[in-house]
Amino acid sequence: MAELNHAQLTRMIWIDARLVGAGRINRSDLKQAFGISMQQAALDLRSYGALHPGRLAYSRREKCYRPAAQSRPKFDTGTRIRVAHAVAVIAAQRSALISEQQQEARHG
């Protein structure tokens, strides 16, 4: 697999953080957090699985990935926390901007 760019690495760390914090992840989580397409989210989950074999376990019933039994996070706690916080702040700002733009469009 080719070397990851900054955005890809950020998403890989965020996936790891989400597995630790929420105990699950799916494509919609990535789409919402990063504003990416469902196709890109699926690619990111496949990339994470390829980079960290044995870390993801897919639940067909829940239609999400969970951390595989006996697997450990791949990134250190501090890195996971910093990335998760930064992504949350950016997602909130993006959401506020979109809401503002929608209000402006309605009110001309």
Foldseek 3Di string as FASTA:
>chain_A
DDDDDPVLVLVLLQVLLCLVPVQKAALVVVCLLPVDDSVVSVVSVVVSCVVPPQQWDADPVVRITGGHPPDDRPDDPVSSVVSNVVSVVVSVVVVVVVVVVVVVVVVD
